[in-house]
Amino acid sequence: MTALLIVLYLLLAAAVSAVIISENRNPLKAMSWILVVTFVPVLGMIIYIFFGQDQRRRRIVSRRIYKRIMHKPHYLSIPEVQLEAMSNIQLNPIMKLINNNADSPVMLSDRPDIFTTGQEMFDRFFRDIEEARHHIHIQFYVIADDRLGNQMADLLIRKAAEGVKVRLIYDHVGSWTTGRQYWRRLRDGGVEVYSFMPVFFPFLSGRVNYRNHRKVAVIDGRIGYLGGMNAADRYYYGNKLGMWRDSHFRMTGSVVAGLQSSFLLDWYVVSRRVINLSGYYPDQPLPYSDESMKIQLVRSGPVGQWRTIEQATIYCIERACEHIYIETPYFLPTEGLNNALITAALAGIEVHLIVPRRSDARLPQ
């Protein structure tokens, strides 16, 4: 009986190993998982099931739903013929790369407002929410049950009472410390609230590492916010580490349609509902002017075919001629990104990297 179980397990391990190889992983990672599955009986298989499966081959949004939501951004984007006429030819390859690997067309934008302090950003953000008349879409990785978080909750509940459609997405792990009563208060106040990819057994779930760090807001389809700040006191009042420094952008123009689609795709993932898109996008593209900016929004995630942001970043680094400026709260580069930066520096390109003096996470510190 024991011999039969061993044979069955080895056959299962061989089948799983074939799946791992077929996923076109990094060879070092593939070999590591094969060794774990083969030489750590049962436990190794359990670890692989929860943490080792490649999420990139899974489709969490059907092609039909995806095309429906992405139709408007493509309609509002710059036609390729017009783009060729207004663009520097040297920029075309990166535009094509991002369009091909992220399905992100080039869109026009007014010059964005750039915020580097939470006080500036949230004061303007709350003013825009106050003036909303049709809908408010908000997505944060962290929404804290603190002074700022409750100020936002009070405002959203009031706007919902005025008849404005308010939808909110938070990341379940990022907002783990926010109690149920906070979300219940929002729902009772008329706000539609969903968490992204809930995790109830953190040590027995492969979802822990697949989080949604997007901080996106769209107000009436006209104003968009994008950046690195979360809805928490540390960005507005500071904490023991001091005032948290991050960058955030307020955007207007056709590019807001790209932010809207990003939110609506995530909304479908968390709610499994597609809303009637009428009234959520502008009818016509923004007219081009000399002041207009050309922007592509790059969404990332564990279920995409390509590592879109990493590919675009490495492509730009490898073609830099003078300098590279990078500002990031966490610097844990992949081998490919690290080699690209080292190669650029050795080639005489100025490479400047800004990271926090003190970090809230030990690993990048």
Protein backbone atom coordinates (compact mmCIF):
# COMPACT_ATOMS: atom_id res chain seq x y z
CA MET A 1 0.00 0.00 0.00
CA THR A 2 2.84 2.36 0.90
CA ALA A 3 4.62 1.59 -2.37
CA LEU A 4 1.43 2.34 -4.31
CA LEU A 5 1.02 5.71 -2.58
CA ILE A 6 4.64 6.57 -3.37
CA VAL A 7 4.15 5.70 -7.02
CA LEU A 8 0.93 7.74 -7.22
CA TYR A 9 2.62 10.73 -5.59
CA LEU A 10 5.59 10.54 -7.96
CA LEU A 11 3.19 10.45 -10.93
CA LEU A 12 1.37 13.48 -9.51
CA ALA A 13 4.68 15.25 -8.93
CA ALA A 14 5.72 14.49 -12.53
CA ALA A 15 2.44 15.92 -13.84
CA VAL A 16 2.81 19.07 -11.72
CA SER A 17 6.43 19.42 -12.86
CA ALA A 18 5.28 19.29 -16.47
CA VAL A 19 2.78 22.09 -15.73
CA ILE A 20 5.51 24.18 -14.07
CA ILE A 21 7.79 23.76 -17.09
CA SER A 22 4.96 24.59 -19.52
CA GLU A 23 4.34 27.90 -17.74
CA ASN A 24 7.62 29.27 -19.18
CA ARG A 25 8.92 30.37 -15.81
CA ASN A 26 12.34 31.63 -14.97
CA PRO A 27 14.38 28.37 -15.13
CA LEU A 28 15.74 28.89 -11.59
CA LYS A 29 12.22 29.32 -10.17
CA ALA A 30 10.92 26.35 -12.16
CA MET A 31 13.67 24.07 -10.87
CA SER A 32 13.11 25.26 -7.30
CA TRP A 33 9.40 24.42 -7.42
CA ILE A 34 10.07 21.04 -9.05
CA LEU A 35 12.48 20.15 -6.23
CA VAL A 36 9.99 21.29 -3.58
CA VAL A 37 7.13 19.28 -5.10
CA THR A 38 9.28 16.17 -5.66
CA PHE A 39 11.36 15.96 -2.48
CA VAL A 40 9.02 17.45 0.13
CA PRO A 41 6.15 14.93 -0.04
CA VAL A 42 2.60 16.22 0.43
CA LEU A 43 3.71 19.44 2.14
CA GLY A 44 5.58 20.54 -0.97
CA MET A 45 2.47 19.96 -3.07
CA ILE A 46 0.34 21.99 -0.65
CA ILE A 47 2.84 24.86 -0.69
CA TYR A 48 2.83 24.86 -4.50
CA ILE A 49 -0.97 24.86 -4.72
CA PHE A 50 -1.25 27.90 -2.45
CA PHE A 51 1.82 29.91 -3.49
CA GLY A 52 3.42 28.50 -6.64
CA GLN A 53 0.79 28.60 -9.37
CA ASP A 54 1.33 31.09 -12.14
CA GLN A 55 -1.55 33.59 -12.01
CA ARG A 56 -0.70 35.11 -15.39
CA ARG A 57 -2.49 32.38 -17.31
CA ARG A 58 -5.80 33.05 -15.59
CA ARG A 59 -8.41 35.30 -17.15
CA ILE A 60 -10.50 37.01 -14.48
CA VAL A 61 -12.34 39.27 -16.94
CA SER A 62 -13.98 37.77 -20.03
CA ARG A 63 -12.95 39.12 -23.43
CA ARG A 64 -16.49 40.36 -24.05
CA ILE A 65 -16.62 42.40 -20.83
CA TYR A 66 -13.08 43.65 -21.37
CA LYS A 67 -13.83 44.92 -24.88
CA ARG A 68 -17.01 46.59 -23.71
CA ILE A 69 -15.25 48.53 -20.95
CA MET A 70 -12.19 49.37 -23.05
CA HIS A 71 -14.15 50.54 -26.10
CA LYS A 72 -14.43 54.17 -24.98
CA PRO A 73 -10.73 54.77 -24.18
CA HIS A 74 -9.83 53.50 -27.64
CA TYR A 75 -12.54 55.67 -29.21
CA LEU A 76 -11.25 58.72 -27.31
CA SER A 77 -7.58 58.03 -28.07
CA ILE A 78 -5.45 59.70 -30.74
CA PRO A 79 -5.71 57.98 -34.16
CA GLU A 80 -2.43 56.44 -35.28
CA VAL A 81 -2.20 58.64 -38.38
CA GLN A 82 -2.63 61.79 -36.28
CA LEU A 83 -0.17 60.48 -33.70
CA GLU A 84 2.48 59.90 -36.38
CA ALA A 85 2.06 63.51 -37.53
CA MET A 86 2.44 65.07 -34.08
CA SER A 87 5.03 62.74 -32.49
CA ASN A 88 8.78 62.62 -32.46
CA ILE A 89 9.66 59.46 -34.37
CA GLN A 90 11.99 58.35 -31.55
CA LEU A 91 9.03 58.07 -29.17
CA ASN A 92 6.97 55.82 -31.41
CA PRO A 93 8.53 52.48 -30.35
CA ILE A 94 7.76 53.00 -26.63
CA MET A 95 4.24 54.10 -27.53
CA LYS A 96 3.77 50.95 -29.61
CA LEU A 97 5.28 48.75 -26.90
CA ILE A 98 2.86 50.03 -24.24
CA ASN A 99 -0.09 49.82 -26.61
CA ASN A 100 0.80 46.22 -27.48
CA ASN A 101 1.65 44.88 -24.03
CA ALA A 102 -0.87 46.89 -21.99
CA ASP A 103 -3.59 47.64 -24.57
CA SER A 104 -3.10 51.29 -23.67
CA PRO A 105 -3.69 53.81 -26.46
CA VAL A 106 -2.17 57.28 -26.44
CA MET A 107 -4.61 59.81 -24.98
CA LEU A 108 -4.62 63.58 -24.61
CA SER A 109 -4.44 65.26 -21.24
CA ASP A 110 -4.38 68.78 -19.89
CA ARG A 111 -1.27 69.49 -17.85
CA PRO A 112 -1.75 67.61 -14.57
CA ASP A 113 -1.58 69.12 -11.11
CA ILE A 114 1.26 67.48 -9.18
CA PHE A 115 0.97 67.07 -5.40
CA THR A 116 3.86 66.11 -3.13
CA THR A 117 2.09 66.59 0.21
CA GLY A 118 -1.02 64.87 1.47
CA GLN A 119 -2.51 68.15 2.69
CA GLU A 120 -2.46 69.69 -0.78
CA MET A 121 -3.76 66.55 -2.46
CA PHE A 122 -6.60 65.64 -0.10
CA ASP A 123 -7.79 69.24 0.29
CA ARG A 124 -8.20 69.45 -3.50
CA PHE A 125 -9.56 65.90 -3.71
CA PHE A 126 -12.27 66.60 -1.15
CA ARG A 127 -13.22 69.85 -2.92
CA ASP A 128 -13.71 67.93 -6.16
CA ILE A 129 -15.83 65.35 -4.35
CA GLU A 130 -17.94 68.16 -2.88
CA GLU A 131 -18.69 69.37 -6.42
CA ALA A 132 -19.55 65.93 -7.85
CA ARG A 133 -22.98 65.67 -9.46
CA HIS A 134 -23.16 62.25 -11.15
CA HIS A 135 -20.69 59.70 -9.78
CA ILE A 136 -17.62 59.23 -7.58
CA HIS A 137 -15.33 56.24 -8.13
CA ILE A 138 -12.55 55.73 -5.57
CA GLN A 139 -9.94 53.02 -5.19
CA PHE A 140 -7.18 52.91 -2.56
CA TYR A 141 -4.83 50.21 -1.35
CA VAL A 142 -5.16 51.53 2.22
CA ILE A 143 -8.23 53.22 3.67
CA ALA A 144 -7.70 53.73 7.39
CA ASP A 145 -10.30 54.15 10.12
CA ASP A 146 -8.66 57.34 11.37
CA ARG A 147 -9.26 61.08 11.19
CA LEU A 148 -8.68 61.42 7.44
CA GLY A 149 -10.42 58.14 6.61
CA ASN A 150 -13.51 59.16 8.56
CA GLN A 151 -13.50 62.62 7.01
CA MET A 152 -13.62 60.95 3.60
CA ALA A 153 -16.33 58.52 4.75
CA ASP A 154 -18.53 61.35 6.05
CA LEU A 155 -18.15 63.20 2.76
CA LEU A 156 -18.96 60.15 0.63
CA ILE A 157 -22.04 59.32 2.71
CA ARG A 158 -23.27 62.89 2.31
CA LYS A 159 -22.77 62.81 -1.47
CA ALA A 160 -24.59 59.47 -1.68
CA ALA A 161 -27.50 61.04 0.20
CA GLU A 162 -27.55 63.80 -2.44
CA GLY A 163 -28.12 61.19 -5.15
CA VAL A 164 -24.54 60.90 -6.41
CA LYS A 165 -23.51 57.33 -7.24
CA VAL A 166 -20.54 56.48 -5.01
CA ARG A 167 -18.46 53.33 -5.56
CA LEU A 168 -15.43 52.39 -3.46
CA ILE A 169 -12.80 49.64 -3.77
CA TYR A 170 -10.22 48.89 -1.08
CA ASP A 171 -7.57 46.20 -0.93
CA HIS A 172 -8.44 43.58 1.66
CA VAL A 173 -4.85 43.08 2.84
CA GLY A 174 -3.80 46.73 2.58
CA SER A 175 -6.80 47.78 4.69
CA TRP A 176 -6.68 44.77 7.03
CA THR A 177 -6.62 46.88 10.19
CA THR A 178 -9.74 48.81 9.21
CA GLY A 179 -12.64 47.28 11.13
CA ARG A 180 -15.90 45.98 9.68
CA GLN A 181 -17.88 48.75 11.32
CA TYR A 182 -16.15 51.30 9.07
CA TRP A 183 -17.27 49.53 5.89
CA ARG A 184 -20.72 48.87 7.35
CA ARG A 185 -21.15 52.59 8.04
CA LEU A 186 -20.32 53.39 4.42
CA ARG A 187 -22.71 50.74 3.07
CA ASP A 188 -25.49 51.83 5.39
CA GLY A 189 -24.93 55.38 4.11
CA GLY A 190 -25.55 54.39 0.50
CA VAL A 191 -21.96 53.86 -0.68
CA GLU A 192 -21.26 50.72 -2.71
CA VAL A 193 -18.15 49.15 -1.19
CA TYR A 194 -16.15 46.07 -2.21
CA SER A 195 -12.81 44.66 -1.13
CA PHE A 196 -10.28 43.40 -3.65
CA MET A 197 -9.49 39.67 -3.47
CA PRO A 198 -10.39 38.98 0.20
CA VAL A 199 -7.96 36.82 2.20
CA PHE A 200 -9.38 35.11 5.29
CA PHE A 201 -6.62 32.57 5.96
CA PRO A 202 -3.41 34.47 5.18
CA PHE A 203 -1.03 31.57 5.72
CA LEU A 204 -3.09 29.23 3.53
CA SER A 205 -3.78 31.49 0.59
CA GLY A 206 -1.83 32.29 -2.57
CA ARG A 207 -3.78 35.53 -2.83
CA VAL A 208 -1.79 37.31 -0.14
CA ASN A 209 0.89 38.45 -2.57
CA TYR A 210 -1.51 39.36 -5.39
CA ARG A 211 -2.68 42.72 -4.15
CA ASN A 212 -4.15 45.77 -5.82
CA HIS A 213 -2.02 48.81 -5.02
CA ARG A 214 -3.84 51.16 -7.38
CA LYS A 215 -4.85 54.57 -6.02
CA VAL A 216 -7.33 55.80 -8.60
CA ALA A 217 -10.28 58.17 -8.38
CA VAL A 218 -12.65 59.43 -11.08
CA ILE A 219 -15.20 62.16 -10.44
CA ASP A 220 -18.05 62.70 -12.90
CA GLY A 221 -15.87 61.20 -15.65
CA ARG A 222 -14.08 64.57 -15.96
CA ILE A 223 -11.49 64.59 -13.16
CA GLY A 224 -9.07 61.79 -12.37
CA TYR A 225 -6.59 61.18 -9.58
CA LEU A 226 -3.62 58.82 -9.76
CA GLY A 227 -0.53 58.36 -7.63
CA GLY A 228 1.02 56.88 -4.53
CA MET A 229 -0.93 58.36 -1.60
CA ASN A 230 -3.39 56.32 0.46
CA ALA A 231 -6.34 57.53 2.53
CA ALA A 232 -4.64 57.53 5.93
CA ASP A 233 -3.54 60.09 8.53
CA ARG A 234 0.14 59.43 7.94
CA TYR A 235 -0.10 61.21 4.58
CA TYR A 236 -1.91 64.23 6.03
CA TYR A 237 -0.86 64.52 9.69
CA GLY A 238 2.20 62.25 9.85
CA ASN A 239 3.08 59.53 12.36
CA LYS A 240 6.17 58.28 14.24
CA LEU A 241 8.10 58.16 10.94
CA GLY A 242 7.16 61.77 10.26
CA MET A 243 5.08 63.10 7.39
CA TRP A 244 4.85 60.51 4.63
CA ARG A 245 6.11 61.81 1.28
CA ASP A 246 4.56 60.58 -1.94
CA SER A 247 3.47 61.94 -5.32
CA HIS A 248 -0.07 62.23 -6.66
CA PHE A 249 -1.59 63.68 -9.84
CA ARG A 250 -4.88 65.36 -10.68
CA MET A 251 -5.73 64.88 -14.36
CA THR A 252 -8.32 66.18 -16.78
CA GLY A 253 -8.90 65.52 -20.47
CA SER A 254 -9.50 62.36 -22.48
CA VAL A 255 -6.97 60.48 -20.37
CA VAL A 256 -9.55 60.32 -17.55
CA ALA A 257 -11.38 57.74 -19.68
CA GLY A 258 -8.38 55.44 -19.22
CA LEU A 259 -8.58 55.84 -15.44
CA GLN A 260 -12.32 55.21 -15.61
CA SER A 261 -11.83 51.95 -17.50
CA SER A 262 -9.14 50.86 -15.04
CA PHE A 263 -11.59 51.37 -12.18
CA LEU A 264 -14.51 49.71 -13.98
CA LEU A 265 -12.41 46.63 -14.82
CA ASP A 266 -11.52 46.26 -11.14
CA TRP A 267 -15.14 46.97 -10.22
CA TYR A 268 -16.23 44.05 -12.37
CA VAL A 269 -13.60 41.83 -10.74
CA VAL A 270 -14.82 42.61 -7.20
CA SER A 271 -18.57 42.89 -7.86
CA ARG A 272 -19.05 40.72 -10.99
CA ARG A 273 -21.31 43.48 -12.29
CA VAL A 274 -21.02 45.67 -15.38
CA ILE A 275 -22.67 49.03 -14.97
CA ASN A 276 -24.46 50.92 -17.73
CA LEU A 277 -21.60 52.95 -19.17
CA SER A 278 -23.80 55.85 -20.33
CA GLY A 279 -22.74 59.05 -18.59
CA TYR A 280 -19.41 57.72 -17.37
CA TYR A 281 -17.31 58.85 -20.36
CA PRO A 282 -17.11 62.05 -22.41
CA ASP A 283 -18.82 61.89 -25.80
CA GLN A 284 -15.93 63.24 -27.87
CA PRO A 285 -12.10 63.28 -27.60
CA LEU A 286 -10.37 66.35 -26.21
CA PRO A 287 -9.34 68.68 -29.06
CA TYR A 288 -5.58 68.72 -29.61
CA SER A 289 -3.66 71.87 -28.80
CA ASP A 290 -0.02 72.81 -28.29
CA GLU A 291 -0.55 72.61 -24.52
CA SER A 292 -1.94 69.07 -24.64
CA MET A 293 0.12 66.21 -23.26
CA LYS A 294 0.20 62.70 -24.71
CA ILE A 295 -0.21 60.08 -21.97
CA GLN A 296 -0.47 56.30 -21.82
CA LEU A 297 -1.75 54.63 -18.67
CA VAL A 298 -0.12 51.28 -17.90
CA ARG A 299 -2.05 48.84 -15.74
CA SER A 300 -0.19 46.00 -14.09
CA GLY A 301 -1.36 42.81 -12.46
CA PRO A 302 -0.61 39.12 -11.89
CA VAL A 303 -3.05 37.98 -14.58
CA GLY A 304 -1.69 39.88 -17.56
CA GLN A 305 0.28 38.15 -20.28
CA TRP A 306 3.22 40.54 -19.92
CA ARG A 307 5.04 42.32 -17.10
CA THR A 308 3.95 45.59 -18.63
CA ILE A 309 5.48 48.18 -16.29
CA GLU A 310 8.79 46.33 -16.00
CA GLN A 311 9.06 45.94 -19.79
CA ALA A 312 8.36 49.62 -20.43
CA THR A 313 10.75 50.75 -17.69
CA ILE A 314 13.62 48.57 -18.90
CA TYR A 315 13.01 49.68 -22.48
CA CYS A 316 13.29 53.34 -21.47
CA ILE A 317 16.36 52.75 -19.29
CA GLU A 318 18.19 50.92 -22.08
CA ARG A 319 17.60 53.86 -24.43
CA ALA A 320 18.51 56.67 -22.03
CA CYS A 321 21.15 59.06 -23.38
CA GLU A 322 21.79 61.51 -20.51
CA HIS A 323 20.18 60.70 -17.16
CA ILE A 324 17.72 58.44 -15.32
CA TYR A 325 15.80 59.70 -12.28
CA ILE A 326 13.96 57.18 -10.10
CA GLU A 327 11.98 57.94 -6.95
CA THR A 328 10.33 55.00 -5.18
CA PRO A 329 9.28 54.08 -1.62
CA TYR A 330 10.40 50.46 -2.13
CA PHE A 331 13.38 49.49 -4.26
CA LEU A 332 13.51 45.71 -4.77
CA PRO A 333 14.36 45.45 -8.48
CA THR A 334 14.14 42.29 -10.55
CA GLU A 335 17.36 40.97 -12.01
CA GLY A 336 16.50 42.44 -15.42
CA LEU A 337 15.76 45.92 -14.04
CA ASN A 338 18.85 45.87 -11.83
CA ASN A 339 21.11 44.90 -14.73
CA ALA A 340 19.59 47.62 -16.93
CA LEU A 341 20.39 50.30 -14.32
CA ILE A 342 23.93 49.00 -13.74
CA THR A 343 24.56 48.84 -17.49
CA ALA A 344 23.34 52.42 -17.93
CA ALA A 345 25.56 53.67 -15.10
CA LEU A 346 28.60 51.85 -16.51
CA ALA A 347 27.84 53.44 -19.89
CA GLY A 348 28.18 56.91 -18.36
CA ILE A 349 24.48 57.68 -17.97
CA GLU A 350 23.69 59.60 -14.77
CA VAL A 351 21.51 57.33 -12.63
CA HIS A 352 19.85 59.01 -9.64
CA LEU A 353 17.81 56.98 -7.16
CA ILE A 354 15.78 58.48 -4.29
CA VAL A 355 14.49 56.13 -1.57
CA PRO A 356 13.19 56.89 1.95
CA ARG A 357 15.73 57.49 4.70
CA ARG A 358 13.38 55.51 6.94
CA SER A 359 10.97 52.93 5.58
CA ASP A 360 7.85 51.35 7.07
CA ALA A 361 8.97 47.94 5.71
CA ARG A 362 12.07 46.13 6.90
CA LEU A 363 12.95 44.23 3.72
CA PRO A 364 13.58 47.21 1.41
CA GLN A 365 15.23 49.09 4.30
